[in-house]
């Protein structure tokens, strides 16, 4: 049953992201910053943390799959990343949290670079 909530929440989150990107692109045009993505990630983090704090802190719920993993996960994965980083800080594991954050960002950028190189190379091979 949880998987159904996850799938429907994810589908709605993806649609919300798509339309948010269109609206943000029309409202906030910038040549040097993807302001739409910045707004989406910020809203996603705010929504994720609000829902977690208000509804899901004390009791696990099927709706948690719909809203947190599904909707927020479809809308932005940045909210999950930010939550994981905050968890280290809440446990007073500042160094581990800093390492986790830096490794996530650096590895993410590296993997994007590597994926683009591999995709471009394979595109011209096949």
C-alpha atoms as a PDB file:
ATOM      1  CA  UNK A   1       0.000   0.000   0.000  1.00  0.00           C
ATOM      2  CA  UNK A   2       2.866   2.403   0.799  1.00  0.00           C
ATOM      3  CA  UNK A   3       4.242   2.032  -2.720  1.00  0.00           C
ATOM      4  CA  UNK A   4       0.984   3.370  -4.183  1.00  0.00           C
ATOM      5  CA  UNK A   5       1.209   6.472  -1.993  1.00  0.00           C
ATOM      6  CA  UNK A   6       4.857   6.882  -2.980  1.00  0.00           C
ATOM      7  CA  UNK A   7       4.158   6.618  -6.714  1.00  0.00           C
ATOM      8  CA  UNK A   8       1.212   9.023  -6.735  1.00  0.00           C
ATOM      9  CA  UNK A   9       3.015  11.510  -4.502  1.00  0.00           C
ATOM     10  CA  UNK A  10       6.077  11.343  -6.754  1.00  0.00           C
ATOM     11  CA  UNK A  11       4.012  11.876  -9.886  1.00  0.00           C
ATOM     12  CA  UNK A  12       2.350  14.958  -8.414  1.00  0.00           C
ATOM     13  CA  UNK A  13       5.719  16.257  -7.189  1.00  0.00           C
ATOM     14  CA  UNK A  14       7.210  15.948 -10.663  1.00  0.00           C
ATOM     15  CA  UNK A  15       4.271  17.806 -12.188  1.00  0.00           C
ATOM     16  CA  UNK A  16       4.549  20.517  -9.530  1.00  0.00           C
ATOM     17  CA  UNK A  17       8.265  20.858 -10.297  1.00  0.00           C
ATOM     18  CA  UNK A  18       7.604  21.133 -14.025  1.00  0.00           C
ATOM     19  CA  UNK A  19       5.028  23.889 -13.629  1.00  0.00           C
ATOM     20  CA  UNK A  20       7.057  25.649 -10.925  1.00  0.00           C
ATOM     21  CA  UNK A  21      10.016  25.762 -13.309  1.00  0.00           C
ATOM     22  CA  UNK A  22       7.838  27.373 -15.982  1.00  0.00           C
ATOM     23  CA  UNK A  23       6.447  29.964 -13.561  1.00  0.00           C
ATOM     24  CA  UNK A  24       9.845  30.717 -12.016  1.00  0.00           C
ATOM     25  CA  UNK A  25      11.398  31.041 -15.464  1.00  0.00           C
ATOM     26  CA  UNK A  26       8.790  33.634 -16.386  1.00  0.00           C
ATOM     27  CA  UNK A  27       9.097  35.545 -13.100  1.00  0.00           C
ATOM     28  CA  UNK A  28      12.823  35.375 -12.387  1.00  0.00           C
ATOM     29  CA  UNK A  29      14.951  35.509 -15.486  1.00  0.00           C
ATOM     30  CA  UNK A  30      18.681  35.608 -14.869  1.00  0.00           C
ATOM     31  CA  UNK A  31      21.706  35.132 -17.077  1.00  0.00           C
ATOM     32  CA  UNK A  32      24.028  33.941 -14.332  1.00  0.00           C
ATOM     33  CA  UNK A  33      21.830  31.902 -11.989  1.00  0.00           C
ATOM     34  CA  UNK A  34      19.216  29.209 -12.421  1.00  0.00           C
ATOM     35  CA  UNK A  35      16.841  31.049 -10.118  1.00  0.00           C
ATOM     36  CA  UNK A  36      14.004  28.654 -10.893  1.00  0.00           C
ATOM     37  CA  UNK A  37      15.958  25.722  -9.526  1.00  0.00           C
ATOM     38  CA  UNK A  38      17.043  27.756  -6.520  1.00  0.00           C
ATOM     39  CA  UNK A  39      13.430  28.662  -5.754  1.00  0.00           C
ATOM     40  CA  UNK A  40      12.237  25.067  -6.276  1.00  0.00           C
ATOM     41  CA  UNK A  41      14.948  23.655  -3.999  1.00  0.00           C
ATOM     42  CA  UNK A  42      14.186  26.253  -1.325  1.00  0.00           C
ATOM     43  CA  UNK A  43      10.436  25.628  -1.458  1.00  0.00           C
ATOM     44  CA  UNK A  44      11.067  21.878  -1.401  1.00  0.00           C
ATOM     45  CA  UNK A  45      13.239  22.153   1.698  1.00  0.00           C
ATOM     46  CA  UNK A  46      10.706  24.388   3.433  1.00  0.00           C
ATOM     47  CA  UNK A  47       7.796  22.084   2.572  1.00  0.00           C
ATOM     48  CA  UNK A  48       9.712  18.918   3.537  1.00  0.00           C
ATOM     49  CA  UNK A  49      10.782  20.289   6.908  1.00  0.00           C
ATOM     50  CA  UNK A  50       7.356  21.801   7.672  1.00  0.00           C
ATOM     51  CA  UNK A  51       5.571  18.537   6.896  1.00  0.00           C
ATOM     52  CA  UNK A  52       8.122  16.544   8.859  1.00  0.00           C
ATOM     53  CA  UNK A  53       7.910  18.820  11.880  1.00  0.00           C
ATOM     54  CA  UNK A  54       4.174  19.395  11.874  1.00  0.00           C
ATOM     55  CA  UNK A  55       2.770  16.028  10.851  1.00  0.00           C
ATOM     56  CA  UNK A  56       5.355  13.281  10.921  1.00  0.00           C
ATOM     57  CA  UNK A  57       7.748  13.832  13.831  1.00  0.00           C
ATOM     58  CA  UNK A  58       5.985  11.674  16.401  1.00  0.00           C
ATOM     59  CA  UNK A  59       4.162   9.032  14.432  1.00  0.00           C
ATOM     60  CA  UNK A  60       5.005   7.324  11.163  1.00  0.00           C
ATOM     61  CA  UNK A  61       2.177   7.460   8.667  1.00  0.00           C
ATOM     62  CA  UNK A  62       1.354   6.171   5.225  1.00  0.00           C
ATOM     63  CA  UNK A  63       0.937   9.796   4.230  1.00  0.00           C
ATOM     64  CA  UNK A  64       4.630  10.290   5.030  1.00  0.00           C
ATOM     65  CA  UNK A  65       5.413   8.191   1.947  1.00  0.00           C
ATOM     66  CA  UNK A  66       3.063  10.303  -0.157  1.00  0.00           C
ATOM     67  CA  UNK A  67       4.285  13.719   1.023  1.00  0.00           C
ATOM     68  CA  UNK A  68       7.958  13.331   2.000  1.00  0.00           C
ATOM     69  CA  UNK A  69       9.380  10.558  -0.162  1.00  0.00           C
ATOM     70  CA  UNK A  70       6.815  10.914  -2.944  1.00  0.00           C
ATOM     71  CA  UNK A  71       5.786  14.531  -3.468  1.00  0.00           C
ATOM     72  CA  UNK A  72       8.873  16.242  -2.031  1.00  0.00           C
ATOM     73  CA  UNK A  73      11.139  13.606  -3.583  1.00  0.00           C
ATOM     74  CA  UNK A  74       9.541  14.205  -6.979  1.00  0.00           C
ATOM     75  CA  UNK A  75       9.621  17.957  -6.521  1.00  0.00           C
ATOM     76  CA  UNK A  76      13.246  18.108  -5.357  1.00  0.00           C
ATOM     77  CA  UNK A  77      15.758  15.656  -3.970  1.00  0.00           C
ATOM     78  CA  UNK A  78      17.604  18.586  -2.452  1.00  0.00           C
ATOM     79  CA  UNK A  79      15.190  18.565   0.489  1.00  0.00           C
ATOM     80  CA  UNK A  80      16.244  15.034   1.437  1.00  0.00           C
ATOM     81  CA  UNK A  81      19.913  15.990   1.119  1.00  0.00           C
ATOM     82  CA  UNK A  82      19.451  19.058   3.328  1.00  0.00           C
ATOM     83  CA  UNK A  83      17.573  16.990   5.912  1.00  0.00           C
ATOM     84  CA  UNK A  84      20.349  14.403   6.052  1.00  0.00           C
ATOM     85  CA  UNK A  85      22.931  17.154   6.534  1.00  0.00           C
ATOM     86  CA  UNK A  86      20.856  18.699   9.324  1.00  0.00           C
ATOM     87  CA  UNK A  87      20.590  15.332  11.057  1.00  0.00           C
ATOM     88  CA  UNK A  88      24.366  15.301  11.541  1.00  0.00           C
ATOM     89  CA  UNK A  89      24.237  18.770  13.089  1.00  0.00           C
ATOM     90  CA  UNK A  90      21.419  17.764  15.434  1.00  0.00           C
ATOM     91  CA  UNK A  91      23.578  14.857  16.650  1.00  0.00           C
ATOM     92  CA  UNK A  92      26.538  17.241  17.188  1.00  0.00           C
ATOM     93  CA  UNK A  93      28.442  15.431  14.458  1.00  0.00           C
ATOM     94  CA  UNK A  94      29.559  18.645  12.794  1.00  0.00           C
ATOM     95  CA  UNK A  95      32.702  17.292  11.146  1.00  0.00           C
ATOM     96  CA  UNK A  96      30.887  14.283   9.759  1.00  0.00           C
ATOM     97  CA  UNK A  97      28.079  16.551   8.543  1.00  0.00           C
ATOM     98  CA  UNK A  98      30.537  18.882   6.857  1.00  0.00           C
ATOM     99  CA  UNK A  99      32.289  15.936   5.202  1.00  0.00           C
ATOM    100  CA  UNK A 100      28.953  14.508   4.084  1.00  0.00           C
ATOM    101  CA  UNK A 101      27.873  17.843   2.626  1.00  0.00           C
ATOM    102  CA  UNK A 102      31.167  18.508   0.840  1.00  0.00           C
ATOM    103  CA  UNK A 103      31.400  14.948  -0.485  1.00  0.00           C
ATOM    104  CA  UNK A 104      27.797  15.063  -1.721  1.00  0.00           C
ATOM    105  CA  UNK A 105      28.283  18.341  -3.562  1.00  0.00           C
ATOM    106  CA  UNK A 106      31.710  17.479  -4.979  1.00  0.00           C
ATOM    107  CA  UNK A 107      30.772  13.931  -5.922  1.00  0.00           C
ATOM    108  CA  UNK A 108      27.530  15.175  -7.479  1.00  0.00           C
ATOM    109  CA  UNK A 109      29.368  17.719  -9.619  1.00  0.00           C
ATOM    110  CA  UNK A 110      31.995  15.140 -10.562  1.00  0.00           C
ATOM    111  CA  UNK A 111      29.331  12.583 -11.505  1.00  0.00           C
ATOM    112  CA  UNK A 112      27.502  15.162 -13.639  1.00  0.00           C
ATOM    113  CA  UNK A 113      30.796  15.935 -15.398  1.00  0.00           C
ATOM    114  CA  UNK A 114      31.609  12.240 -15.845  1.00  0.00           C
ATOM    115  CA  UNK A 115      28.106  11.387 -17.048  1.00  0.00           C
ATOM    116  CA  UNK A 116      28.183  14.150 -19.636  1.00  0.00           C
ATOM    117  CA  UNK A 117      31.591  13.009 -20.889  1.00  0.00           C
ATOM    118  CA  UNK A 118      30.515   9.345 -21.071  1.00  0.00           C
ATOM    119  CA  UNK A 119      27.166  10.174 -22.674  1.00  0.00           C
ATOM    120  CA  UNK A 120      28.786  12.408 -25.275  1.00  0.00           C
ATOM    121  CA  UNK A 121      31.484   9.827 -26.022  1.00  0.00           C
ATOM    122  CA  UNK A 122      28.979   6.993 -26.389  1.00  0.00           C
ATOM    123  CA  UNK A 123      26.668   9.143 -28.501  1.00  0.00           C
ATOM    124  CA  UNK A 124      29.413   9.534 -31.077  1.00  0.00           C
ATOM    125  CA  UNK A 125      30.403   5.860 -30.856  1.00  0.00           C
ATOM    126  CA  UNK A 126      27.055   4.227 -31.530  1.00  0.00           C
END
